[in-house]
Amino acid sequence: MAINEKMTIAEILKARPDAARILQQFGMHCIGCAVAAGETLEGAAKAHEVNLEELLRALRIES
């Protein structure tokens, strides 16, 4: 499954549990919080002031 910015954090983690490590490297430490269940990767990146393209690249390289 290709990861994209419209996927929720929960969807990404379900498909790729190892993505938690990458998200944490980008400062997204609340991946288990209630908001993560419905928040898109795009929304999370914006909320955490993370460059979305860099995050997507890291998630895709590791897949």
PDB file of N, CA and C in Angstrom:
ATOM      1  N   MET A   1       0.842  -1.182   0.000  1.00  0.00           N
ATOM      2  CA  MET A   1       0.000   0.000   0.000  1.00  0.00           C
ATOM      3  C   MET A   1       0.887   1.245   0.000  1.00  0.00           C
ATOM      4  N   ALA A   2       0.616   2.120  -0.933  1.00  0.00           N
ATOM      5  CA  ALA A   2       1.372   3.365  -1.010  1.00  0.00           C
ATOM      6  C   ALA A   2       0.822   4.361   0.012  1.00  0.00           C
ATOM      7  N   ILE A   3       1.705   4.907   0.790  1.00  0.00           N
ATOM      8  CA  ILE A   3       1.322   5.891   1.801  1.00  0.00           C
ATOM      9  C   ILE A   3       1.152   7.246   1.120  1.00  0.00           C
ATOM     10  N   ASN A   4       0.053   7.927   1.464  1.00  0.00           N
ATOM     11  CA  ASN A   4      -0.166   9.261   0.913  1.00  0.00           C
ATOM     12  C   ASN A   4      -0.652  10.196   2.016  1.00  0.00           C
ATOM     13  N   GLU A   5      -0.672  11.478   1.707  1.00  0.00           N
ATOM     14  CA  GLU A   5      -0.975  12.515   2.705  1.00  0.00           C
ATOM     15  C   GLU A   5      -2.419  12.499   3.192  1.00  0.00           C
ATOM     16  N   LYS A   6      -3.306  11.844   2.488  1.00  0.00           N
ATOM     17  CA  LYS A   6      -4.711  11.805   2.887  1.00  0.00           C
ATOM     18  C   LYS A   6      -5.035  10.637   3.818  1.00  0.00           C
ATOM     19  N   MET A   7      -4.084   9.738   4.017  1.00  0.00           N
ATOM     20  CA  MET A   7      -4.283   8.615   4.936  1.00  0.00           C
ATOM     21  C   MET A   7      -4.221   9.114   6.372  1.00  0.00           C
ATOM     22  N   THR A   8      -5.002   8.483   7.236  1.00  0.00           N
ATOM     23  CA  THR A   8      -4.915   8.845   8.654  1.00  0.00           C
ATOM     24  C   THR A   8      -3.682   8.179   9.261  1.00  0.00           C
ATOM     25  N   ILE A   9      -3.257   8.720  10.379  1.00  0.00           N
ATOM     26  CA  ILE A   9      -2.121   8.124  11.090  1.00  0.00           C
ATOM     27  C   ILE A   9      -2.457   6.677  11.445  1.00  0.00           C
ATOM     28  N   ALA A  10      -3.697   6.439  11.875  1.00  0.00           N
ATOM     29  CA  ALA A  10      -4.117   5.087  12.238  1.00  0.00           C
ATOM     30  C   ALA A  10      -4.030   4.139  11.047  1.00  0.00           C
ATOM     31  N   GLU A  11      -4.435   4.587   9.875  1.00  0.00           N
ATOM     32  CA  GLU A  11      -4.355   3.746   8.669  1.00  0.00           C
ATOM     33  C   GLU A  11      -2.906   3.401   8.337  1.00  0.00           C
ATOM     34  N   ILE A  12      -2.051   4.388   8.462  1.00  0.00           N
ATOM     35  CA  ILE A  12      -0.633   4.170   8.167  1.00  0.00           C
ATOM     36  C   ILE A  12      -0.039   3.159   9.141  1.00  0.00           C
ATOM     37  N   LEU A  13      -0.337   3.336  10.426  1.00  0.00           N
ATOM     38  CA  LEU A  13       0.214   2.434  11.432  1.00  0.00           C
ATOM     39  C   LEU A  13      -0.352   1.023  11.314  1.00  0.00           C
ATOM     40  N   LYS A  14      -1.588   0.907  10.892  1.00  0.00           N
ATOM     41  CA  LYS A  14      -2.176  -0.421  10.695  1.00  0.00           C
ATOM     42  C   LYS A  14      -1.479  -1.133   9.534  1.00  0.00           C
ATOM     43  N   ALA A  15      -1.235  -0.406   8.462  1.00  0.00           N
ATOM     44  CA  ALA A  15      -0.587  -0.977   7.289  1.00  0.00           C
ATOM     45  C   ALA A  15       0.903  -1.222   7.523  1.00  0.00           C
ATOM     46  N   ARG A  16       1.515  -0.315   8.273  1.00  0.00           N
ATOM     47  CA  ARG A  16       2.961  -0.396   8.500  1.00  0.00           C
ATOM     48  C   ARG A  16       3.302   0.009   9.929  1.00  0.00           C
ATOM     49  N   PRO A  17       3.210  -0.917  10.871  1.00  0.00           N
ATOM     50  CA  PRO A  17       3.518  -0.590  12.270  1.00  0.00           C
ATOM     51  C   PRO A  17       4.904   0.029  12.461  1.00  0.00           C
ATOM     52  N   ASP A  18       5.848  -0.314  11.595  1.00  0.00           N
ATOM     53  CA  ASP A  18       7.198   0.246  11.692  1.00  0.00           C
ATOM     54  C   ASP A  18       7.239   1.739  11.373  1.00  0.00           C
ATOM     55  N   ALA A  19       6.173   2.276  10.804  1.00  0.00           N
ATOM     56  CA  ALA A  19       6.128   3.703  10.492  1.00  0.00           C
ATOM     57  C   ALA A  19       6.140   4.552  11.758  1.00  0.00           C
ATOM     58  N   ALA A  20       5.783   3.964  12.891  1.00  0.00           N
ATOM     59  CA  ALA A  20       5.793   4.703  14.164  1.00  0.00           C
ATOM     60  C   ALA A  20       7.179   5.278  14.440  1.00  0.00           C
ATOM     61  N   ARG A  21       8.196   4.513  14.160  1.00  0.00           N
ATOM     62  CA  ARG A  21       9.577   4.970  14.386  1.00  0.00           C
ATOM     63  C   ARG A  21       9.886   6.197  13.534  1.00  0.00           C
ATOM     64  N   ILE A  22       9.463   6.184  12.293  1.00  0.00           N
ATOM     65  CA  ILE A  22       9.718   7.310  11.384  1.00  0.00           C
ATOM     66  C   ILE A  22       8.940   8.539  11.831  1.00  0.00           C
ATOM     67  N   LEU A  23       7.678   8.357  12.179  1.00  0.00           N
ATOM     68  CA  LEU A  23       6.870   9.481  12.656  1.00  0.00           C
ATOM     69  C   LEU A  23       7.498  10.100  13.898  1.00  0.00           C
ATOM     70  N   GLN A  24       7.986   9.279  14.800  1.00  0.00           N
ATOM     71  CA  GLN A  24       8.621   9.793  16.014  1.00  0.00           C
ATOM     72  C   GLN A  24       9.899  10.553  15.685  1.00  0.00           C
ATOM     73  N   GLN A  25      10.634  10.112  14.692  1.00  0.00           N
ATOM     74  CA  GLN A  25      11.850  10.825  14.282  1.00  0.00           C
ATOM     75  C   GLN A  25      11.532  12.238  13.788  1.00  0.00           C
ATOM     76  N   PHE A  26      10.311  12.431  13.307  1.00  0.00           N
ATOM     77  CA  PHE A  26       9.873  13.738  12.826  1.00  0.00           C
ATOM     78  C   PHE A  26       9.161  14.537  13.915  1.00  0.00           C
ATOM     79  N   GLY A  27       9.223  14.060  15.152  1.00  0.00           N
ATOM     80  CA  GLY A  27       8.647  14.790  16.269  1.00  0.00           C
ATOM     81  C   GLY A  27       7.184  14.509  16.531  1.00  0.00           C
ATOM     82  N   MET A  28       6.651  13.504  15.887  1.00  0.00           N
ATOM     83  CA  MET A  28       5.248  13.136  16.085  1.00  0.00           C
ATOM     84  C   MET A  28       5.174  12.031  17.131  1.00  0.00           C
ATOM     85  N   HIS A  29       5.269  12.436  18.387  1.00  0.00           N
ATOM     86  CA  HIS A  29       5.337  11.472  19.488  1.00  0.00           C
ATOM     87  C   HIS A  29       3.975  11.051  20.015  1.00  0.00           C
ATOM     88  N   CYS A  30       2.928  11.698  19.577  1.00  0.00           N
ATOM     89  CA  CYS A  30       1.601  11.360  20.092  1.00  0.00           C
ATOM     90  C   CYS A  30       0.848  10.466  19.114  1.00  0.00           C
ATOM     91  N   ILE A  31       1.546   9.548  18.475  1.00  0.00           N
ATOM     92  CA  ILE A  31       0.927   8.687  17.468  1.00  0.00           C
ATOM     93  C   ILE A  31      -0.154   7.784  18.042  1.00  0.00           C
ATOM     94  N   GLY A  32      -0.146   7.564  19.336  1.00  0.00           N
ATOM     95  CA  GLY A  32      -1.161   6.732  19.955  1.00  0.00           C
ATOM     96  C   GLY A  32      -2.320   7.516  20.536  1.00  0.00           C
ATOM     97  N   CYS A  33      -2.299   8.827  20.384  1.00  0.00           N
ATOM     98  CA  CYS A  33      -3.359   9.641  20.979  1.00  0.00           C
ATOM     99  C   CYS A  33      -4.658   9.511  20.183  1.00  0.00           C
ATOM    100  N   ALA A  34      -5.748   9.915  20.791  1.00  0.00           N
ATOM    101  CA  ALA A  34      -7.070   9.785  20.170  1.00  0.00           C
ATOM    102  C   ALA A  34      -7.170  10.551  18.857  1.00  0.00           C
ATOM    103  N   VAL A  35      -6.515  11.675  18.760  1.00  0.00           N
ATOM    104  CA  VAL A  35      -6.578  12.486  17.540  1.00  0.00           C
ATOM    105  C   VAL A  35      -5.949  11.735  16.367  1.00  0.00           C
ATOM    106  N   ALA A  36      -4.922  10.944  16.628  1.00  0.00           N
ATOM    107  CA  ALA A  36      -4.218  10.229  15.564  1.00  0.00           C
ATOM    108  C   ALA A  36      -5.130   9.276  14.807  1.00  0.00           C
ATOM    109  N   ALA A  37      -6.167   8.801  15.444  1.00  0.00           N
ATOM    110  CA  ALA A  37      -7.078   7.853  14.793  1.00  0.00           C
ATOM    111  C   ALA A  37      -7.763   8.474  13.579  1.00  0.00           C
ATOM    112  N   GLY A  38      -8.071   9.758  13.638  1.00  0.00           N
ATOM    113  CA  GLY A  38      -8.787  10.392  12.545  1.00  0.00           C
ATOM    114  C   GLY A  38      -8.014  11.463  11.813  1.00  0.00           C
ATOM    115  N   GLU A  39      -6.812  11.766  12.271  1.00  0.00           N
ATOM    116  CA  GLU A  39      -6.037  12.842  11.663  1.00  0.00           C
ATOM    117  C   GLU A  39      -5.259  12.325  10.459  1.00  0.00           C
ATOM    118  N   THR A  40      -5.292  13.093   9.383  1.00  0.00           N
ATOM    119  CA  THR A  40      -4.534  12.707   8.200  1.00  0.00           C
ATOM    120  C   THR A  40      -3.056  13.013   8.413  1.00  0.00           C
ATOM    121  N   LEU A  41      -2.239  12.387   7.602  1.00  0.00           N
ATOM    122  CA  LEU A  41      -0.810  12.659   7.666  1.00  0.00           C
ATOM    123  C   LEU A  41      -0.554  14.126   7.348  1.00  0.00           C
ATOM    124  N   GLU A  42      -1.296  14.649   6.406  1.00  0.00           N
ATOM    125  CA  GLU A  42      -1.165  16.055   6.039  1.00  0.00           C
ATOM    126  C   GLU A  42      -1.493  16.967   7.222  1.00  0.00           C
ATOM    127  N   GLY A  43      -2.575  16.678   7.916  1.00  0.00           N
ATOM    128  CA  GLY A  43      -2.971  17.468   9.074  1.00  0.00           C
ATOM    129  C   GLY A  43      -1.972  17.372  10.206  1.00  0.00           C
ATOM    130  N   ALA A  44      -1.471  16.176  10.434  1.00  0.00           N
ATOM    131  CA  ALA A  44      -0.489  15.968  11.504  1.00  0.00           C
ATOM    132  C   ALA A  44       0.803  16.709  11.196  1.00  0.00           C
ATOM    133  N   ALA A  45       1.231  16.659   9.943  1.00  0.00           N
ATOM    134  CA  ALA A  45       2.460  17.355   9.555  1.00  0.00           C
ATOM    135  C   ALA A  45       2.305  18.855   9.771  1.00  0.00           C
ATOM    136  N   LYS A  46       1.153  19.375   9.404  1.00  0.00           N
ATOM    137  CA  LYS A  46       0.902  20.810   9.589  1.00  0.00           C
ATOM    138  C   LYS A  46       0.881  21.169  11.071  1.00  0.00           C
ATOM    139  N   ALA A  47       0.199  20.350  11.878  1.00  0.00           N
ATOM    140  CA  ALA A  47       0.095  20.624  13.312  1.00  0.00           C
ATOM    141  C   ALA A  47       1.453  20.571  14.004  1.00  0.00           C
ATOM    142  N   HIS A  48       2.341  19.723  13.505  1.00  0.00           N
ATOM    143  CA  HIS A  48       3.656  19.556  14.129  1.00  0.00           C
ATOM    144  C   HIS A  48       4.747  20.338  13.400  1.00  0.00           C
ATOM    145  N   GLU A  49       4.317  21.142  12.405  1.00  0.00           N
ATOM    146  CA  GLU A  49       5.252  21.960  11.623  1.00  0.00           C
ATOM    147  C   GLU A  49       6.357  21.113  10.997  1.00  0.00           C
ATOM    148  N   VAL A  50       5.928  20.004  10.378  1.00  0.00           N
ATOM    149  CA  VAL A  50       6.836  19.075   9.712  1.00  0.00           C
ATOM    150  C   VAL A  50       6.659  19.234   8.209  1.00  0.00           C
ATOM    151  N   ASN A  51       7.751  19.209   7.483  1.00  0.00           N
ATOM    152  CA  ASN A  51       7.693  19.277   6.028  1.00  0.00           C
ATOM    153  C   ASN A  51       7.057  17.989   5.513  1.00  0.00           C
ATOM    154  N   LEU A  52       5.889  18.105   4.914  1.00  0.00           N
ATOM    155  CA  LEU A  52       5.119  16.949   4.471  1.00  0.00           C
ATOM    156  C   LEU A  52       5.867  16.137   3.421  1.00  0.00           C
ATOM    157  N   GLU A  53       6.490  16.794   2.483  1.00  0.00           N
ATOM    158  CA  GLU A  53       7.207  16.070   1.423  1.00  0.00           C
ATOM    159  C   GLU A  53       8.370  15.258   1.981  1.00  0.00           C
ATOM    160  N   GLU A  54       9.096  15.825   2.942  1.00  0.00           N
ATOM    161  CA  GLU A  54      10.202  15.090   3.566  1.00  0.00           C
ATOM    162  C   GLU A  54       9.679  13.883   4.333  1.00  0.00           C
ATOM    163  N   LEU A  55       8.576  14.068   5.028  1.00  0.00           N
ATOM    164  CA  LEU A  55       7.975  12.977   5.791  1.00  0.00           C
ATOM    165  C   LEU A  55       7.500  11.863   4.857  1.00  0.00           C
ATOM    166  N   LEU A  56       6.801  12.229   3.805  1.00  0.00           N
ATOM    167  CA  LEU A  56       6.349  11.223   2.831  1.00  0.00           C
ATOM    168  C   LEU A  56       7.529  10.487   2.218  1.00  0.00           C
ATOM    169  N   ARG A  57       8.567  11.210   1.882  1.00  0.00           N
ATOM    170  CA  ARG A  57       9.764  10.587   1.299  1.00  0.00           C
ATOM    171  C   ARG A  57      10.345   9.562   2.269  1.00  0.00           C
ATOM    172  N   ALA A  58      10.454   9.923   3.531  1.00  0.00           N
ATOM    173  CA  ALA A  58      11.008   9.005   4.532  1.00  0.00           C
ATOM    174  C   ALA A  58      10.123   7.773   4.688  1.00  0.00           C
ATOM    175  N   LEU A  59       8.832   7.974   4.703  1.00  0.00           N
ATOM    176  CA  LEU A  59       7.908   6.839   4.844  1.00  0.00           C
ATOM    177  C   LEU A  59       7.948   5.936   3.619  1.00  0.00           C
ATOM    178  N   ARG A  60       8.114   6.499   2.457  1.00  0.00           N
ATOM    179  CA  ARG A  60       8.136   5.710   1.222  1.00  0.00           C
ATOM    180  C   ARG A  60       9.466   4.985   1.036  1.00  0.00           C
ATOM    181  N   ILE A  61      10.555   5.601   1.425  1.00  0.00           N
ATOM    182  CA  ILE A  61      11.874   4.971   1.301  1.00  0.00           C
ATOM    183  C   ILE A  61      11.939   3.729   2.177  1.00  0.00           C
ATOM    184  N   GLU A  62      11.360   3.809   3.341  1.00  0.00           N
ATOM    185  CA  GLU A  62      11.409   2.711   4.299  1.00  0.00           C
ATOM    186  C   GLU A  62      10.407   1.611   3.986  1.00  0.00           C
ATOM    187  N   SER A  63       9.529   1.830   3.014  1.00  0.00           N
ATOM    188  CA  SER A  63       8.515   0.811   2.738  1.00  0.00           C
ATOM    189  C   SER A  63       9.045  -0.293   1.846  1.00  0.00           C
TER     190      SER A  63
END
